[in-house]
Amino acid sequence: MPTSTTEYRPTEITIIIVLIALLPLLPPLLHLWTGSNSAWYTPYLVWFGIIMLSFGLQRYLRRSAR
């Protein structure tokens, strides 16, 4: 019998967050935010989003480990 879906699964959550964080860095999507007509702060916003995703993941993992 499979276990409950509310079970704590840090490996799967980490893989999903890493894939979501790396998605904007793929070459087909890279042109959307690195174009010549984009604002100077756009790369900083993308990296800020990646950093915030990893921060949120760490908070979730530490809270769930208790």
C-alpha atoms as a PDB file:
ATOM      1  CA  MET A   1       0.000   0.000   0.000  1.00  0.00           C
ATOM      2  CA  PRO A   2       1.309   3.468  -0.793  1.00  0.00           C
ATOM      3  CA  THR A   3       1.854   5.809   2.100  1.00  0.00           C
ATOM      4  CA  SER A   4      -0.034   9.012   2.668  1.00  0.00           C
ATOM      5  CA  THR A   5       0.539  11.880   0.225  1.00  0.00           C
ATOM      6  CA  THR A   6       1.093  14.282   3.119  1.00  0.00           C
ATOM      7  CA  GLU A   7       4.294  12.469   4.025  1.00  0.00           C
ATOM      8  CA  TYR A   8       7.422  14.598   4.205  1.00  0.00           C
ATOM      9  CA  ARG A   9       9.453  14.123   0.987  1.00  0.00           C
ATOM     10  CA  PRO A  10      12.442  16.477   0.904  1.00  0.00           C
ATOM     11  CA  THR A  11      14.140  14.924  -2.137  1.00  0.00           C
ATOM     12  CA  GLU A  12      11.185  15.307  -4.472  1.00  0.00           C
ATOM     13  CA  ILE A  13      10.457  18.837  -3.294  1.00  0.00           C
ATOM     14  CA  THR A  14      14.087  19.841  -3.767  1.00  0.00           C
ATOM     15  CA  ILE A  15      14.206  18.461  -7.308  1.00  0.00           C
ATOM     16  CA  ILE A  16      11.016  20.286  -8.265  1.00  0.00           C
ATOM     17  CA  ILE A  17      12.252  23.609  -6.850  1.00  0.00           C
ATOM     18  CA  VAL A  18      15.642  23.278  -8.585  1.00  0.00           C
ATOM     19  CA  LEU A  19      13.980  22.571 -11.926  1.00  0.00           C
ATOM     20  CA  ILE A  20      11.641  25.540 -11.519  1.00  0.00           C
ATOM     21  CA  ALA A  21      14.563  27.779 -10.533  1.00  0.00           C
ATOM     22  CA  LEU A  22      16.654  26.720 -13.541  1.00  0.00           C
ATOM     23  CA  LEU A  23      13.796  27.121 -16.010  1.00  0.00           C
ATOM     24  CA  PRO A  24      14.427  30.853 -16.731  1.00  0.00           C
ATOM     25  CA  LEU A  25      18.099  30.071 -17.424  1.00  0.00           C
ATOM     26  CA  LEU A  26      17.358  27.749 -20.355  1.00  0.00           C
ATOM     27  CA  PRO A  27      18.534  29.160 -23.700  1.00  0.00           C
ATOM     28  CA  PRO A  28      15.047  29.422 -25.294  1.00  0.00           C
ATOM     29  CA  LEU A  29      13.749  31.396 -22.307  1.00  0.00           C
ATOM     30  CA  LEU A  30      16.955  33.341 -21.777  1.00  0.00           C
ATOM     31  CA  HIS A  31      16.132  35.576 -24.725  1.00  0.00           C
ATOM     32  CA  LEU A  32      12.927  36.742 -23.051  1.00  0.00           C
ATOM     33  CA  TRP A  33      14.705  38.595 -20.267  1.00  0.00           C
ATOM     34  CA  THR A  34      18.121  39.336 -21.791  1.00  0.00           C
ATOM     35  CA  GLY A  35      16.949  41.168 -24.888  1.00  0.00           C
ATOM     36  CA  SER A  36      18.388  44.532 -25.844  1.00  0.00           C
ATOM     37  CA  ASN A  37      15.108  46.302 -25.011  1.00  0.00           C
ATOM     38  CA  SER A  38      14.765  44.810 -21.524  1.00  0.00           C
ATOM     39  CA  ALA A  39      15.387  46.860 -18.401  1.00  0.00           C
ATOM     40  CA  TRP A  40      18.806  46.799 -16.764  1.00  0.00           C
ATOM     41  CA  TYR A  41      17.413  45.265 -13.576  1.00  0.00           C
ATOM     42  CA  THR A  42      15.695  42.277 -15.210  1.00  0.00           C
ATOM     43  CA  PRO A  43      18.602  39.820 -14.641  1.00  0.00           C
ATOM     44  CA  TYR A  44      18.703  40.917 -11.007  1.00  0.00           C
ATOM     45  CA  LEU A  45      14.991  40.166 -10.636  1.00  0.00           C
ATOM     46  CA  VAL A  46      15.443  36.713 -12.138  1.00  0.00           C
ATOM     47  CA  TRP A  47      18.319  35.888  -9.785  1.00  0.00           C
ATOM     48  CA  PHE A  48      16.384  37.364  -6.857  1.00  0.00           C
ATOM     49  CA  GLY A  49      13.528  35.001  -7.671  1.00  0.00           C
ATOM     50  CA  ILE A  50      15.905  32.033  -7.759  1.00  0.00           C
ATOM     51  CA  ILE A  51      17.416  33.048  -4.421  1.00  0.00           C
ATOM     52  CA  MET A  52      13.976  33.486  -2.858  1.00  0.00           C
ATOM     53  CA  LEU A  53      12.899  30.037  -4.099  1.00  0.00           C
ATOM     54  CA  SER A  54      15.944  28.449  -2.492  1.00  0.00           C
ATOM     55  CA  PHE A  55      15.381  30.421   0.722  1.00  0.00           C
ATOM     56  CA  GLY A  56      11.766  29.299   0.862  1.00  0.00           C
ATOM     57  CA  LEU A  57      12.820  25.709   0.234  1.00  0.00           C
ATOM     58  CA  GLN A  58      15.306  25.809   3.098  1.00  0.00           C
ATOM     59  CA  ARG A  59      12.708  27.276   5.467  1.00  0.00           C
ATOM     60  CA  TYR A  60      10.207  24.613   4.467  1.00  0.00           C
ATOM     61  CA  LEU A  61      12.701  21.777   4.844  1.00  0.00           C
ATOM     62  CA  ARG A  62      13.872  22.966   8.263  1.00  0.00           C
ATOM     63  CA  ARG A  63      10.310  23.450   9.492  1.00  0.00           C
ATOM     64  CA  SER A  64       9.214  20.027   8.211  1.00  0.00           C
ATOM     65  CA  ALA A  65      12.234  18.226   9.678  1.00  0.00           C
ATOM     66  CA  ARG A  66      11.186  19.067  13.238  1.00  0.00           C
END
